[in-house]
Amino acid sequence: MSQNSDPLRLTDLPDAIPARLAEIRGGRQLTRRLLALGLRQGSPLCIVQRRGKGLVLASGELRIAIGTGIAEKLWVRPESDQAALAMQAESGDEAA
């Protein structure tokens, strides 16, 4: 696993790449809201779908829809080195 990698914004995570919630860069109210939804630091998640400016996340059996305002405050670490390689390949494809 790539525990040493820097976290990235959830909005920058490619779809279907497993990750763990590394940081919530929001206030206490946002943290409470996410806890009530079942998301906390260390929770596994991945992006299932992008809907307009929002995201649908999967965390185990849980599915959560969030807006970009919240998504930009969530920082994640990809689960594996293979996921990091996939992200690099995808960003290379976008640049071409």
N, C-alpha and C. Protein backbone atom coordinates (compact mmCIF):
# COMPACT_ATOMS: atom_id res chain seq x y z
N MET A 1 0.82 -1.18 0.00
CA MET A 1 0.00 0.00 0.00
C MET A 1 0.86 1.24 0.00
N SER A 2 0.32 2.32 -0.54
CA SER A 2 1.10 3.55 -0.63
C SER A 2 0.74 4.49 0.50
N GLN A 3 1.10 4.13 1.70
CA GLN A 3 0.80 4.94 2.87
C GLN A 3 1.60 6.24 2.88
N ASN A 4 2.72 6.29 2.14
CA ASN A 4 3.57 7.46 2.14
C ASN A 4 3.14 8.50 1.13
N SER A 5 2.18 8.20 0.26
CA SER A 5 1.75 9.15 -0.75
C SER A 5 1.00 10.31 -0.10
N ASP A 6 1.12 11.46 -0.73
CA ASP A 6 0.40 12.63 -0.25
C ASP A 6 -1.08 12.46 -0.54
N PRO A 7 -1.93 12.96 0.34
CA PRO A 7 -3.36 12.87 0.05
C PRO A 7 -3.73 13.79 -1.12
N LEU A 8 -4.81 13.43 -1.80
CA LEU A 8 -5.32 14.28 -2.87
C LEU A 8 -6.79 14.53 -2.63
N ARG A 9 -7.29 15.58 -3.24
CA ARG A 9 -8.72 15.90 -3.09
C ARG A 9 -9.56 14.78 -3.67
N LEU A 10 -10.65 14.52 -3.03
CA LEU A 10 -11.57 13.49 -3.51
C LEU A 10 -11.99 13.79 -4.95
N THR A 11 -12.17 15.06 -5.29
CA THR A 11 -12.60 15.42 -6.65
C THR A 11 -11.54 15.06 -7.69
N ASP A 12 -10.28 14.87 -7.28
CA ASP A 12 -9.21 14.50 -8.21
C ASP A 12 -9.02 12.99 -8.33
N LEU A 13 -9.72 12.22 -7.52
CA LEU A 13 -9.63 10.77 -7.56
C LEU A 13 -10.42 10.25 -8.76
N PRO A 14 -9.79 9.42 -9.61
CA PRO A 14 -10.55 8.85 -10.73
C PRO A 14 -11.65 7.91 -10.23
N ASP A 15 -12.67 7.74 -11.03
CA ASP A 15 -13.78 6.83 -10.70
C ASP A 15 -13.26 5.41 -10.49
N ALA A 16 -13.89 4.71 -9.55
CA ALA A 16 -13.67 3.29 -9.27
C ALA A 16 -12.28 2.96 -8.72
N ILE A 17 -11.51 3.96 -8.29
CA ILE A 17 -10.21 3.72 -7.67
C ILE A 17 -10.43 3.67 -6.16
N PRO A 18 -10.14 2.54 -5.51
CA PRO A 18 -10.34 2.46 -4.07
C PRO A 18 -9.37 3.36 -3.32
N ALA A 19 -9.88 4.02 -2.29
CA ALA A 19 -9.07 4.94 -1.49
C ALA A 19 -9.56 4.91 -0.05
N ARG A 20 -8.82 5.56 0.81
CA ARG A 20 -9.22 5.74 2.21
C ARG A 20 -9.29 7.23 2.50
N LEU A 21 -10.29 7.60 3.27
CA LEU A 21 -10.44 9.00 3.67
C LEU A 21 -9.30 9.36 4.61
N ALA A 22 -8.44 10.26 4.18
CA ALA A 22 -7.25 10.62 4.95
C ALA A 22 -7.51 11.82 5.86
N GLU A 23 -8.29 12.77 5.37
CA GLU A 23 -8.46 14.02 6.11
C GLU A 23 -9.79 14.68 5.76
N ILE A 24 -10.40 15.30 6.73
CA ILE A 24 -11.59 16.13 6.50
C ILE A 24 -11.16 17.55 6.79
N ARG A 25 -11.01 18.35 5.74
CA ARG A 25 -10.55 19.73 5.91
C ARG A 25 -11.75 20.67 5.94
N GLY A 26 -12.57 20.44 6.93
CA GLY A 26 -13.75 21.25 7.13
C GLY A 26 -13.96 21.46 8.62
N GLY A 27 -14.98 22.12 8.96
CA GLY A 27 -15.26 22.40 10.36
C GLY A 27 -15.89 21.23 11.09
N ARG A 28 -16.19 21.49 12.35
CA ARG A 28 -16.78 20.46 13.21
C ARG A 28 -18.14 20.02 12.69
N GLN A 29 -18.90 20.95 12.14
CA GLN A 29 -20.23 20.62 11.63
C GLN A 29 -20.15 19.64 10.47
N LEU A 30 -19.21 19.86 9.56
CA LEU A 30 -19.04 18.93 8.43
C LEU A 30 -18.61 17.56 8.94
N THR A 31 -17.67 17.54 9.87
CA THR A 31 -17.21 16.27 10.43
C THR A 31 -18.36 15.51 11.07
N ARG A 32 -19.20 16.21 11.82
CA ARG A 32 -20.37 15.57 12.44
C ARG A 32 -21.33 15.03 11.40
N ARG A 33 -21.56 15.81 10.36
CA ARG A 33 -22.48 15.38 9.30
C ARG A 33 -21.97 14.11 8.62
N LEU A 34 -20.67 14.09 8.33
CA LEU A 34 -20.09 12.90 7.69
C LEU A 34 -20.12 11.69 8.61
N LEU A 35 -19.85 11.91 9.90
CA LEU A 35 -19.94 10.81 10.87
C LEU A 35 -21.35 10.24 10.91
N ALA A 36 -22.35 11.12 10.86
CA ALA A 36 -23.74 10.66 10.87
C ALA A 36 -24.06 9.84 9.62
N LEU A 37 -23.37 10.13 8.51
CA LEU A 37 -23.57 9.37 7.28
C LEU A 37 -22.74 8.09 7.23
N GLY A 38 -21.83 7.93 8.19
CA GLY A 38 -21.02 6.73 8.24
C GLY A 38 -19.61 6.88 7.69
N LEU A 39 -19.21 8.12 7.39
CA LEU A 39 -17.85 8.36 6.89
C LEU A 39 -17.01 9.00 7.97
N ARG A 40 -15.83 8.45 8.17
CA ARG A 40 -14.88 9.01 9.14
C ARG A 40 -13.48 8.82 8.59
N GLN A 41 -12.52 9.45 9.21
CA GLN A 41 -11.14 9.31 8.79
C GLN A 41 -10.76 7.83 8.79
N GLY A 42 -10.18 7.35 7.69
CA GLY A 42 -9.81 5.95 7.55
C GLY A 42 -10.85 5.11 6.84
N SER A 43 -12.03 5.65 6.58
CA SER A 43 -13.08 4.90 5.89
C SER A 43 -12.66 4.59 4.45
N PRO A 44 -12.90 3.35 4.00
CA PRO A 44 -12.64 3.04 2.59
C PRO A 44 -13.75 3.65 1.73
N LEU A 45 -13.38 4.14 0.56
CA LEU A 45 -14.39 4.68 -0.34
C LEU A 45 -13.89 4.69 -1.77
N CYS A 46 -14.82 4.82 -2.69
CA CYS A 46 -14.47 5.04 -4.09
C CYS A 46 -15.63 5.80 -4.74
N ILE A 47 -15.33 6.45 -5.84
CA ILE A 47 -16.35 7.21 -6.56
C ILE A 47 -17.07 6.24 -7.50
N VAL A 48 -18.38 6.15 -7.31
CA VAL A 48 -19.20 5.27 -8.13
C VAL A 48 -19.69 6.00 -9.36
N GLN A 49 -20.03 7.28 -9.18
CA GLN A 49 -20.63 8.04 -10.27
C GLN A 49 -20.43 9.52 -10.05
N ARG A 50 -20.26 10.25 -11.14
CA ARG A 50 -20.23 11.71 -11.08
C ARG A 50 -21.55 12.19 -11.65
N ARG A 51 -22.27 12.97 -10.86
CA ARG A 51 -23.59 13.46 -11.25
C ARG A 51 -23.56 14.97 -11.26
N GLY A 52 -23.46 15.55 -12.44
CA GLY A 52 -23.35 17.00 -12.53
C GLY A 52 -22.07 17.42 -11.83
N LYS A 53 -22.23 18.26 -10.82
CA LYS A 53 -21.07 18.70 -10.06
C LYS A 53 -20.89 17.89 -8.78
N GLY A 54 -21.74 16.91 -8.56
CA GLY A 54 -21.66 16.09 -7.35
C GLY A 54 -21.08 14.72 -7.62
N LEU A 55 -20.90 13.97 -6.54
CA LEU A 55 -20.34 12.63 -6.61
C LEU A 55 -21.22 11.66 -5.84
N VAL A 56 -21.25 10.43 -6.30
CA VAL A 56 -21.86 9.34 -5.55
C VAL A 56 -20.71 8.47 -5.08
N LEU A 57 -20.58 8.30 -3.77
CA LEU A 57 -19.50 7.52 -3.17
C LEU A 57 -20.01 6.18 -2.68
N ALA A 58 -19.12 5.20 -2.71
CA ALA A 58 -19.40 3.91 -2.10
C ALA A 58 -18.40 3.71 -0.97
N SER A 59 -18.92 3.29 0.17
CA SER A 59 -18.08 2.92 1.30
C SER A 59 -18.70 1.65 1.87
N GLY A 60 -18.17 0.51 1.47
CA GLY A 60 -18.79 -0.77 1.82
C GLY A 60 -20.14 -0.86 1.13
N GLU A 61 -21.19 -1.16 1.88
CA GLU A 61 -22.54 -1.25 1.32
C GLU A 61 -23.22 0.13 1.25
N LEU A 62 -22.60 1.13 1.82
CA LEU A 62 -23.14 2.48 1.90
C LEU A 62 -22.94 3.23 0.58
N ARG A 63 -23.95 3.98 0.14
CA ARG A 63 -23.85 4.87 -1.01
C ARG A 63 -24.25 6.26 -0.54
N ILE A 64 -23.40 7.25 -0.84
CA ILE A 64 -23.64 8.62 -0.37
C ILE A 64 -23.46 9.57 -1.54
N ALA A 65 -24.39 10.49 -1.71
CA ALA A 65 -24.26 11.54 -2.72
C ALA A 65 -23.82 12.82 -2.01
N ILE A 66 -22.76 13.44 -2.52
CA ILE A 66 -22.26 14.69 -1.95
C ILE A 66 -22.02 15.69 -3.07
N GLY A 67 -22.07 16.96 -2.71
CA GLY A 67 -21.78 18.03 -3.67
C GLY A 67 -20.29 18.31 -3.73
N THR A 68 -19.89 19.11 -4.70
CA THR A 68 -18.47 19.41 -4.86
C THR A 68 -17.92 20.22 -3.70
N GLY A 69 -18.75 21.05 -3.07
CA GLY A 69 -18.27 21.83 -1.93
C GLY A 69 -17.74 20.94 -0.82
N ILE A 70 -18.45 19.86 -0.55
CA ILE A 70 -18.00 18.91 0.47
C ILE A 70 -16.86 18.06 -0.09
N ALA A 71 -16.98 17.61 -1.34
CA ALA A 71 -15.95 16.74 -1.93
C ALA A 71 -14.58 17.41 -1.94
N GLU A 72 -14.54 18.72 -2.13
CA GLU A 72 -13.26 19.43 -2.15
C GLU A 72 -12.62 19.53 -0.77
N LYS A 73 -13.39 19.27 0.27
CA LYS A 73 -12.86 19.31 1.64
C LYS A 73 -12.42 17.94 2.13
N LEU A 74 -12.65 16.92 1.31
CA LEU A 74 -12.27 15.56 1.67
C LEU A 74 -11.00 15.17 0.92
N TRP A 75 -10.00 14.72 1.65
CA TRP A 75 -8.72 14.32 1.08
C TRP A 75 -8.54 12.83 1.28
N VAL A 76 -8.10 12.14 0.25
CA VAL A 76 -8.00 10.68 0.27
C VAL A 76 -6.61 10.22 -0.13
N ARG A 77 -6.32 8.97 0.20
CA ARG A 77 -5.10 8.29 -0.25
C ARG A 77 -5.54 7.04 -1.01
N PRO A 78 -5.02 6.86 -2.23
CA PRO A 78 -5.35 5.62 -2.97
C PRO A 78 -4.92 4.41 -2.16
N GLU A 79 -5.67 3.32 -2.31
CA GLU A 79 -5.45 2.10 -1.53
C GLU A 79 -4.19 1.34 -1.88
N SER A 80 -3.76 1.38 -3.14
CA SER A 80 -2.63 0.55 -3.54
C SER A 80 -1.74 1.28 -4.52
N ASP A 81 -0.56 0.72 -4.74
CA ASP A 81 0.35 1.30 -5.72
C ASP A 81 -0.22 1.17 -7.12
N GLN A 82 -0.97 0.09 -7.38
CA GLN A 82 -1.60 -0.08 -8.69
C GLN A 82 -2.60 1.04 -8.93
N ALA A 83 -3.32 1.45 -7.90
CA ALA A 83 -4.27 2.55 -8.05
C ALA A 83 -3.53 3.84 -8.38
N ALA A 84 -2.39 4.06 -7.74
CA ALA A 84 -1.59 5.26 -8.02
C ALA A 84 -1.10 5.25 -9.46
N LEU A 85 -0.69 4.08 -9.95
CA LEU A 85 -0.24 3.98 -11.34
C LEU A 85 -1.40 4.26 -12.30
N ALA A 86 -2.58 3.76 -11.97
CA ALA A 86 -3.75 4.02 -12.81
C ALA A 86 -4.07 5.51 -12.86
N MET A 87 -3.91 6.18 -11.72
CA MET A 87 -4.17 7.62 -11.66
C MET A 87 -3.16 8.37 -12.51
N GLN A 88 -1.89 7.97 -12.47
CA GLN A 88 -0.87 8.61 -13.28
C GLN A 88 -1.15 8.40 -14.76
N ALA A 89 -1.54 7.20 -15.12
CA ALA A 89 -1.85 6.91 -16.52
C ALA A 89 -3.04 7.74 -16.99
N GLU A 90 -4.06 7.86 -16.14
CA GLU A 90 -5.23 8.64 -16.51
C GLU A 90 -4.88 10.11 -16.67
N SER A 91 -4.07 10.66 -15.79
CA SER A 91 -3.70 12.08 -15.89
C SER A 91 -2.83 12.30 -17.11
N GLY A 92 -2.04 11.29 -17.50
CA GLY A 92 -1.26 11.39 -18.73
C GLY A 92 -2.14 11.40 -19.96
N ASP A 93 -3.22 10.60 -19.93
CA ASP A 93 -4.16 10.56 -21.04
C ASP A 93 -4.88 11.88 -21.20
N GLU A 94 -5.21 12.55 -20.09
CA GLU A 94 -5.91 13.82 -20.15
C GLU A 94 -5.01 14.91 -20.72
N ALA A 95 -3.71 14.81 -20.45
CA ALA A 95 -2.78 15.82 -20.91
C ALA A 95 -2.55 15.72 -22.41
N ALA A 96 -2.76 14.53 -22.98
CA ALA A 96 -2.50 14.33 -24.42
C ALA A 96 -3.58 14.93 -25.27
